[in-house]
Amino acid sequence: MAKRLLFGVLLLAALAWARPAAATARFGLGADWLVDPGDGALQLTLAGEKQVVRNLGVGGRIGVLFLSGPARFGVPIDASLRVKLGRFYVEGLAGPWIVFDDGDALRLHAAIGIGLIARGVQLGLEVGYLDPTSMVGVRLAFPF
């Protein structure tokens, strides 16, 4: 009985002392060049991330997408895995991008991004694939 009581007290003390993992949210702007057709893409995104260990976070982003030539709108959705290395970050992204008024409405997106975090503002480069072509882009994000 005394062992159970001691275990219960220790468990409650550990739960009271534990801190929840840090979570952050970011408003982002993106501009991409789709290599094969030479089209452009602009995005406004909202991203969330939860730190799971010291320098590793998991999260996702969703937003509004505009593709040029011909003009189409869509919804980019990505899951992310981000490693922070001091003022720099490296991230992997993957998910479906939904493009309206297009023969291939559901497109696979996968990318790797690197960037710099300065005074909270994040500026990065993203290289990836948006079915059926590769893409190169820049990202600017503002945490809140």
C-alpha atoms as a PDB file:
ATOM      1  CA  MET A   1       0.000   0.000   0.000  1.00  0.00           C
ATOM      2  CA  ALA A   2       2.793   2.424   0.868  1.00  0.00           C
ATOM      3  CA  LYS A   3       4.514   1.687  -2.464  1.00  0.00           C
ATOM      4  CA  ARG A   4       1.341   2.489  -4.382  1.00  0.00           C
ATOM      5  CA  LEU A   5       0.868   5.716  -2.483  1.00  0.00           C
ATOM      6  CA  LEU A   6       4.507   6.708  -3.091  1.00  0.00           C
ATOM      7  CA  PHE A   7       4.168   5.833  -6.788  1.00  0.00           C
ATOM      8  CA  GLY A   8       0.983   7.938  -7.039  1.00  0.00           C
ATOM      9  CA  VAL A   9       2.598  10.929  -5.344  1.00  0.00           C
ATOM     10  CA  LEU A  10       5.675  10.674  -7.605  1.00  0.00           C
ATOM     11  CA  LEU A  11       3.478  10.377 -10.694  1.00  0.00           C
ATOM     12  CA  LEU A  12       1.454  13.471  -9.748  1.00  0.00           C
ATOM     13  CA  ALA A  13       4.656  15.417  -9.024  1.00  0.00           C
ATOM     14  CA  ALA A  14       6.115  14.422 -12.420  1.00  0.00           C
ATOM     15  CA  LEU A  15       2.929  15.475 -14.223  1.00  0.00           C
ATOM     16  CA  ALA A  16       2.825  18.803 -12.381  1.00  0.00           C
ATOM     17  CA  TRP A  17       6.501  19.477 -13.171  1.00  0.00           C
ATOM     18  CA  ALA A  18       6.384  18.450 -16.857  1.00  0.00           C
ATOM     19  CA  ARG A  19       6.029  21.194 -19.442  1.00  0.00           C
ATOM     20  CA  PRO A  20       4.043  20.751 -22.653  1.00  0.00           C
ATOM     21  CA  ALA A  21       6.029  20.704 -25.902  1.00  0.00           C
ATOM     22  CA  ALA A  22       6.358  24.103 -27.571  1.00  0.00           C
ATOM     23  CA  ALA A  23       4.052  24.782 -30.508  1.00  0.00           C
ATOM     24  CA  THR A  24       4.400  27.599 -33.037  1.00  0.00           C
ATOM     25  CA  ALA A  25       2.318  29.000 -35.869  1.00  0.00           C
ATOM     26  CA  ARG A  26       3.514  30.890 -38.961  1.00  0.00           C
ATOM     27  CA  PHE A  27       1.925  32.936 -41.724  1.00  0.00           C
ATOM     28  CA  GLY A  28       3.846  32.300 -44.945  1.00  0.00           C
ATOM     29  CA  LEU A  29       4.306  33.656 -48.442  1.00  0.00           C
ATOM     30  CA  GLY A  30       5.754  31.542 -51.229  1.00  0.00           C
ATOM     31  CA  ALA A  31       6.747  32.002 -54.861  1.00  0.00           C
ATOM     32  CA  ASP A  32       7.738  29.075 -57.094  1.00  0.00           C
ATOM     33  CA  TRP A  33       8.853  28.396 -60.637  1.00  0.00           C
ATOM     34  CA  LEU A  34       7.549  25.166 -62.170  1.00  0.00           C
ATOM     35  CA  VAL A  35      10.425  24.005 -64.376  1.00  0.00           C
ATOM     36  CA  ASP A  36       8.746  22.098 -67.230  1.00  0.00           C
ATOM     37  CA  PRO A  37       5.939  24.411 -68.355  1.00  0.00           C
ATOM     38  CA  GLY A  38       7.724  27.484 -66.981  1.00  0.00           C
ATOM     39  CA  ASP A  39       4.658  28.529 -64.975  1.00  0.00           C
ATOM     40  CA  GLY A  40       4.716  30.421 -61.713  1.00  0.00           C
ATOM     41  CA  ALA A  41       2.993  29.640 -58.430  1.00  0.00           C
ATOM     42  CA  LEU A  42       2.190  31.934 -55.508  1.00  0.00           C
ATOM     43  CA  GLN A  43       1.010  30.766 -52.086  1.00  0.00           C
ATOM     44  CA  LEU A  44      -0.352  32.201 -48.873  1.00  0.00           C
ATOM     45  CA  THR A  45      -0.072  29.594 -46.129  1.00  0.00           C
ATOM     46  CA  LEU A  46      -0.720  29.024 -42.465  1.00  0.00           C
ATOM     47  CA  ALA A  47       1.645  26.553 -40.815  1.00  0.00           C
ATOM     48  CA  GLY A  48       1.749  24.970 -37.399  1.00  0.00           C
ATOM     49  CA  GLU A  49       4.572  23.057 -35.787  1.00  0.00           C
ATOM     50  CA  LYS A  50       5.001  21.157 -32.542  1.00  0.00           C
ATOM     51  CA  GLN A  51       8.464  20.555 -31.185  1.00  0.00           C
ATOM     52  CA  VAL A  52       8.831  16.863 -30.297  1.00  0.00           C
ATOM     53  CA  VAL A  53      12.470  16.893 -29.165  1.00  0.00           C
ATOM     54  CA  ARG A  54      14.971  19.697 -28.741  1.00  0.00           C
ATOM     55  CA  ASN A  55      15.681  20.497 -32.424  1.00  0.00           C
ATOM     56  CA  LEU A  56      12.989  18.460 -34.204  1.00  0.00           C
ATOM     57  CA  GLY A  57       9.463  19.574 -34.962  1.00  0.00           C
ATOM     58  CA  VAL A  58       6.536  18.039 -36.832  1.00  0.00           C
ATOM     59  CA  GLY A  59       3.718  20.006 -38.346  1.00  0.00           C
ATOM     60  CA  GLY A  60       1.758  20.939 -41.383  1.00  0.00           C
ATOM     61  CA  ARG A  61       0.701  23.809 -43.571  1.00  0.00           C
ATOM     62  CA  ILE A  62      -2.371  24.678 -45.591  1.00  0.00           C
ATOM     63  CA  GLY A  63      -3.173  27.666 -47.733  1.00  0.00           C
ATOM     64  CA  VAL A  64      -4.281  29.217 -50.983  1.00  0.00           C
ATOM     65  CA  LEU A  65      -2.414  28.647 -54.257  1.00  0.00           C
ATOM     66  CA  PHE A  66      -2.404  30.564 -57.538  1.00  0.00           C
ATOM     67  CA  LEU A  67      -0.868  28.942 -60.650  1.00  0.00           C
ATOM     68  CA  SER A  68      -0.208  30.939 -63.817  1.00  0.00           C
ATOM     69  CA  GLY A  69      -0.524  29.866 -67.477  1.00  0.00           C
ATOM     70  CA  PRO A  70      -3.536  29.316 -67.520  1.00  0.00           C
ATOM     71  CA  ALA A  71      -4.685  30.903 -64.272  1.00  0.00           C
ATOM     72  CA  ARG A  72      -5.860  28.343 -61.718  1.00  0.00           C
ATOM     73  CA  PHE A  73      -6.413  28.352 -57.975  1.00  0.00           C
ATOM     74  CA  GLY A  74      -5.837  25.602 -55.473  1.00  0.00           C
ATOM     75  CA  VAL A  75      -5.171  24.468 -51.932  1.00  0.00           C
ATOM     76  CA  PRO A  76      -1.654  23.350 -50.927  1.00  0.00           C
ATOM     77  CA  ILE A  77      -1.614  20.872 -48.021  1.00  0.00           C
ATOM     78  CA  ASP A  78       1.682  19.567 -46.621  1.00  0.00           C
ATOM     79  CA  ALA A  79       2.946  17.644 -43.621  1.00  0.00           C
ATOM     80  CA  SER A  80       6.390  18.728 -42.457  1.00  0.00           C
ATOM     81  CA  LEU A  81       9.380  17.524 -40.493  1.00  0.00           C
ATOM     82  CA  ARG A  82      11.785  20.328 -39.494  1.00  0.00           C
ATOM     83  CA  VAL A  83      15.236  20.230 -37.908  1.00  0.00           C
ATOM     84  CA  LYS A  84      16.546  23.476 -36.404  1.00  0.00           C
ATOM     85  CA  LEU A  85      20.299  23.968 -36.366  1.00  0.00           C
ATOM     86  CA  GLY A  86      20.852  27.215 -34.505  1.00  0.00           C
ATOM     87  CA  ARG A  87      19.655  29.995 -36.799  1.00  0.00           C
ATOM     88  CA  PHE A  88      19.175  27.613 -39.719  1.00  0.00           C
ATOM     89  CA  TYR A  89      16.533  25.007 -40.501  1.00  0.00           C
ATOM     90  CA  VAL A  90      16.175  22.048 -42.841  1.00  0.00           C
ATOM     91  CA  GLU A  91      12.738  20.618 -43.536  1.00  0.00           C
ATOM     92  CA  GLY A  92      11.010  17.945 -45.550  1.00  0.00           C
ATOM     93  CA  LEU A  93       7.479  18.463 -46.854  1.00  0.00           C
ATOM     94  CA  ALA A  94       4.985  16.181 -48.543  1.00  0.00           C
ATOM     95  CA  GLY A  95       1.286  16.226 -49.256  1.00  0.00           C
ATOM     96  CA  PRO A  96      -1.512  16.665 -51.761  1.00  0.00           C
ATOM     97  CA  TRP A  97      -2.015  19.944 -53.570  1.00  0.00           C
ATOM     98  CA  ILE A  98      -5.533  20.392 -54.936  1.00  0.00           C
ATOM     99  CA  VAL A  99      -5.724  22.440 -58.159  1.00  0.00           C
ATOM    100  CA  PHE A 100      -9.196  23.592 -59.258  1.00  0.00           C
ATOM    101  CA  ASP A 101     -10.234  23.786 -62.932  1.00  0.00           C
ATOM    102  CA  ASP A 102      -7.471  21.375 -63.931  1.00  0.00           C
ATOM    103  CA  GLY A 103      -7.599  17.931 -65.528  1.00  0.00           C
ATOM    104  CA  ASP A 104      -5.337  16.593 -62.766  1.00  0.00           C
ATOM    105  CA  ALA A 105      -6.943  18.181 -59.696  1.00  0.00           C
ATOM    106  CA  LEU A 106      -5.025  16.194 -57.050  1.00  0.00           C
ATOM    107  CA  ARG A 107      -1.250  16.528 -57.359  1.00  0.00           C
ATOM    108  CA  LEU A 108       1.528  15.085 -55.223  1.00  0.00           C
ATOM    109  CA  HIS A 109       3.930  17.632 -53.723  1.00  0.00           C
ATOM    110  CA  ALA A 110       7.233  16.710 -52.068  1.00  0.00           C
ATOM    111  CA  ALA A 111      10.069  19.114 -51.253  1.00  0.00           C
ATOM    112  CA  ILE A 112      13.135  19.861 -49.192  1.00  0.00           C
ATOM    113  CA  GLY A 113      13.621  23.317 -47.758  1.00  0.00           C
ATOM    114  CA  ILE A 114      16.516  25.135 -46.123  1.00  0.00           C
ATOM    115  CA  GLY A 115      16.451  28.542 -44.549  1.00  0.00           C
ATOM    116  CA  LEU A 116      17.536  31.153 -42.057  1.00  0.00           C
ATOM    117  CA  ILE A 117      15.696  32.324 -38.942  1.00  0.00           C
ATOM    118  CA  ALA A 118      16.490  35.954 -38.104  1.00  0.00           C
ATOM    119  CA  ARG A 119      14.562  37.856 -35.420  1.00  0.00           C
ATOM    120  CA  GLY A 120      11.724  35.403 -35.801  1.00  0.00           C
ATOM    121  CA  VAL A 121      11.293  35.985 -39.545  1.00  0.00           C
ATOM    122  CA  GLN A 122      12.155  32.948 -41.660  1.00  0.00           C
ATOM    123  CA  LEU A 123      13.546  33.134 -45.190  1.00  0.00           C
ATOM    124  CA  GLY A 124      14.147  29.935 -47.119  1.00  0.00           C
ATOM    125  CA  LEU A 125      14.641  28.120 -50.385  1.00  0.00           C
ATOM    126  CA  GLU A 126      12.520  25.112 -51.339  1.00  0.00           C
ATOM    127  CA  VAL A 127      13.327  22.571 -54.062  1.00  0.00           C
ATOM    128  CA  GLY A 128      10.810  19.888 -54.868  1.00  0.00           C
ATOM    129  CA  TYR A 129       8.352  18.132 -57.113  1.00  0.00           C
ATOM    130  CA  LEU A 130       4.763  19.031 -57.979  1.00  0.00           C
ATOM    131  CA  ASP A 131       3.320  16.305 -60.190  1.00  0.00           C
ATOM    132  CA  PRO A 132       4.330  16.227 -63.078  1.00  0.00           C
ATOM    133  CA  THR A 133       7.290  18.648 -62.814  1.00  0.00           C
ATOM    134  CA  SER A 134      10.049  19.860 -60.528  1.00  0.00           C
ATOM    135  CA  MET A 135       9.878  23.230 -58.833  1.00  0.00           C
ATOM    136  CA  VAL A 136      12.127  25.801 -57.163  1.00  0.00           C
ATOM    137  CA  GLY A 137      10.869  28.482 -54.842  1.00  0.00           C
ATOM    138  CA  VAL A 138      11.424  30.936 -52.012  1.00  0.00           C
ATOM    139  CA  ARG A 139       9.544  31.129 -48.727  1.00  0.00           C
ATOM    140  CA  LEU A 140       9.038  33.965 -46.247  1.00  0.00           C
ATOM    141  CA  ALA A 141       7.303  33.219 -42.946  1.00  0.00           C
ATOM    142  CA  PHE A 142       6.236  35.302 -39.980  1.00  0.00           C
ATOM    143  CA  PRO A 143       5.613  33.468 -36.695  1.00  0.00           C
ATOM    144  CA  PHE A 144       2.831  34.589 -34.382  1.00  0.00           C
END
